[in-house]
Protein backbone atom coordinates (compact mmCIF):
# COMPACT_ATOMS: atom_id res chain seq x y z
CA MET A 1 0.06 -0.07 0.38
CA LYS A 2 2.95 2.52 0.55
CA LYS A 3 4.42 1.55 -2.77
CA LEU A 4 1.68 2.18 -4.50
CA ARG A 5 1.00 5.58 -2.67
CA PHE A 6 4.23 6.42 -3.04
CA ALA A 7 3.84 6.03 -6.55
CA PHE A 8 1.37 7.95 -6.87
CA VAL A 9 2.48 10.97 -5.28
CA ILE A 10 5.41 10.66 -7.64
CA ILE A 11 2.84 10.46 -10.83
CA ALA A 12 1.11 13.77 -9.06
CA LEU A 13 4.08 15.64 -8.56
CA LEU A 14 4.89 15.33 -12.31
CA ILE A 15 1.71 16.27 -13.86
CA ALA A 16 1.81 19.21 -12.04
CA CYS A 17 5.80 19.79 -13.32
CA ASP A 18 4.01 19.24 -16.64
CA ASP A 19 1.37 21.66 -15.90
CA ASP A 20 3.71 24.97 -15.14
CA ASN A 21 5.68 24.45 -18.18
CA ASP A 22 2.66 24.52 -20.50
CA ASN A 23 2.55 28.07 -21.43
CA GLN A 24 6.30 27.89 -21.79
CA ILE A 25 7.56 27.35 -25.13
CA ASN A 26 11.01 26.90 -26.47
CA TYR A 27 10.88 28.50 -30.09
CA THR A 28 13.64 27.84 -32.67
CA ILE A 29 14.08 29.90 -35.60
CA ASP A 30 15.62 28.59 -38.71
CA ASN A 31 18.93 29.96 -40.08
CA GLY A 32 17.82 31.98 -43.37
CA CYS A 33 15.82 34.77 -44.44
CA TYR A 34 12.29 35.78 -43.31
CA GLN A 35 10.41 38.29 -45.45
CA GLY A 36 6.89 39.86 -45.00
CA TYR A 37 5.81 43.19 -43.24
CA PHE A 38 5.11 44.69 -40.07
CA ASP A 39 2.19 46.99 -38.80
CA TYR A 40 2.65 50.33 -36.70
CA GLN A 41 0.03 52.76 -36.33
CA ASP A 42 -2.70 51.42 -38.89
CA THR A 43 0.41 51.11 -41.55
CA SER A 44 2.04 47.87 -42.58
CA TYR A 45 6.09 48.14 -43.59
CA TRP A 46 7.81 45.65 -45.71
CA CYS A 47 10.83 44.08 -44.12
CA SER A 48 13.13 41.24 -44.36
CA ILE A 49 15.16 39.85 -41.30
CA CYS A 50 18.01 37.50 -42.07
CA PHE A 51 18.84 34.75 -39.41
CA GLU A 52 22.09 32.75 -39.07
CA ASN A 53 23.27 31.30 -35.84
CA GLY A 54 22.16 33.77 -33.64
CA LYS A 55 22.83 36.47 -35.70
CA TYR A 56 20.19 38.24 -37.91
CA VAL A 57 20.82 41.34 -40.35
CA GLU A 58 17.59 43.14 -41.20
CA TRP A 59 17.81 43.77 -45.32
CA PRO A 60 16.04 46.34 -47.35
CA SER A 61 13.09 45.38 -48.39
CA GLY A 62 13.57 46.26 -52.34
CA GLY A 63 10.59 49.36 -52.56
CA ALA A 64 11.27 53.03 -51.57
CA TYR A 65 7.53 53.26 -50.24
CA PHE A 66 6.21 51.25 -47.19
CA GLN A 67 9.96 49.88 -45.47
CA LYS A 68 12.21 51.01 -42.94
CA SER A 69 14.55 53.69 -43.47
CA MET A 70 17.74 52.81 -44.24
CA SER A 71 19.02 54.18 -41.04
CA CYS A 72 16.75 51.60 -39.34
CA LEU A 73 18.17 48.75 -40.18
CA THR A 74 20.28 47.06 -38.13
CA VAL A 75 22.78 43.73 -37.30
CA GLY A 76 22.82 41.70 -34.06
CA THR A 77 22.11 38.81 -31.63
CA PHE A 78 18.96 37.30 -31.30
CA SER A 79 17.98 35.04 -29.19
CA THR A 80 14.35 32.84 -27.70
CA LYS A 81 13.48 31.83 -24.76
CA ASN A 82 9.95 30.43 -23.77
CA ASN A 83 7.54 33.02 -26.02
CA VAL A 84 9.90 35.41 -26.09
CA ILE A 85 12.25 36.78 -28.68
CA SER A 86 15.11 39.34 -27.62
CA PHE A 87 17.41 41.08 -30.66
CA GLU A 88 20.29 42.91 -29.19
CA LEU A 89 21.60 45.56 -31.48
CA ASP A 90 25.51 45.32 -32.58
CA SER A 91 25.56 48.01 -34.97
CA PHE A 92 23.34 50.12 -37.50
CA LYS A 93 23.60 48.58 -41.12
CA PHE A 94 24.08 52.12 -42.76
CA ASN A 95 25.34 54.31 -39.85
CA ASP A 96 25.49 57.18 -42.06
CA PHE A 97 22.41 57.21 -44.19
CA PRO A 98 21.30 60.90 -43.66
CA GLU A 99 17.21 59.71 -44.02
CA PRO A 100 15.71 59.98 -40.08
CA CYS A 101 14.69 56.80 -38.13
CA GLU A 102 11.53 56.84 -36.26
CA THR A 103 13.00 54.80 -33.24
CA ASP A 104 9.57 53.42 -32.42
CA MET A 105 10.22 50.98 -35.58
CA LEU A 106 14.05 49.56 -34.19
CA LEU A 107 14.13 45.77 -34.37
CA PRO A 108 16.39 45.78 -31.14
CA GLY A 109 13.97 44.46 -28.15
CA SER A 110 12.05 41.98 -26.66
CA TYR A 111 8.81 40.56 -28.60
CA GLU A 112 6.04 38.05 -27.42
CA ILE A 113 5.94 35.21 -30.19
CA VAL A 114 2.42 35.10 -30.82
CA TYR A 115 2.81 32.74 -33.90
CA GLU A 116 5.45 30.31 -35.36
CA GLY A 117 4.65 27.51 -37.62
CA HIS A 118 5.98 24.66 -39.56
CA GLN A 119 9.68 26.60 -38.82
CA ASP A 120 8.80 28.55 -42.39
CA SER A 121 6.45 31.02 -40.38
CA LEU A 122 6.77 33.60 -37.48
CA VAL A 123 4.50 36.73 -36.09
CA PHE A 124 5.68 38.76 -33.16
CA LYS A 125 4.79 41.63 -31.33
CA LYS A 126 5.67 44.26 -28.34
CA GLY A 127 3.92 47.52 -27.45
CA ASN A 128 0.72 48.21 -26.65
CA ASP A 129 -1.57 50.84 -28.58
CA ASP A 130 -0.19 53.63 -30.91
CA SER A 131 3.43 51.87 -30.04
CA GLU A 132 2.48 48.18 -30.58
CA ILE A 133 4.60 46.55 -33.55
CA ILE A 134 3.28 42.83 -35.18
CA TYR A 135 6.06 41.52 -37.55
CA TYR A 136 4.45 38.73 -40.02
CA LEU A 137 7.13 36.99 -41.36
CA LYS A 138 7.79 33.54 -43.81
CA LYS A 139 10.93 32.21 -44.85
């Protein structure tokens, strides 16, 4: 009877520990370039981010309209933990570009991963109301 009670306690503890980890998903981002857009203040802007071995590089989308200023494009490192992706700034891609950068559009920071599907789609967001920015990317 004691062995049965002990086994029940162990099983209950394992189930309780497993429940604590249900909301903490560890995401992995495949190496490669992801393209898409981000929504900021009711406008969609084109974007492209390449990921490789813990590093990221933002690239111009190719169009002149509805994209980040060249002075806002960054290079750095990224990491994922639980449902958060964090971007750390190493440098700006085009340091001397004269056009000013809207600082809310800078990528570095921590974002909640909203969706990651089949290793080819990635959606993440940060901020609220007027400062909310949501990225929709596909590999």
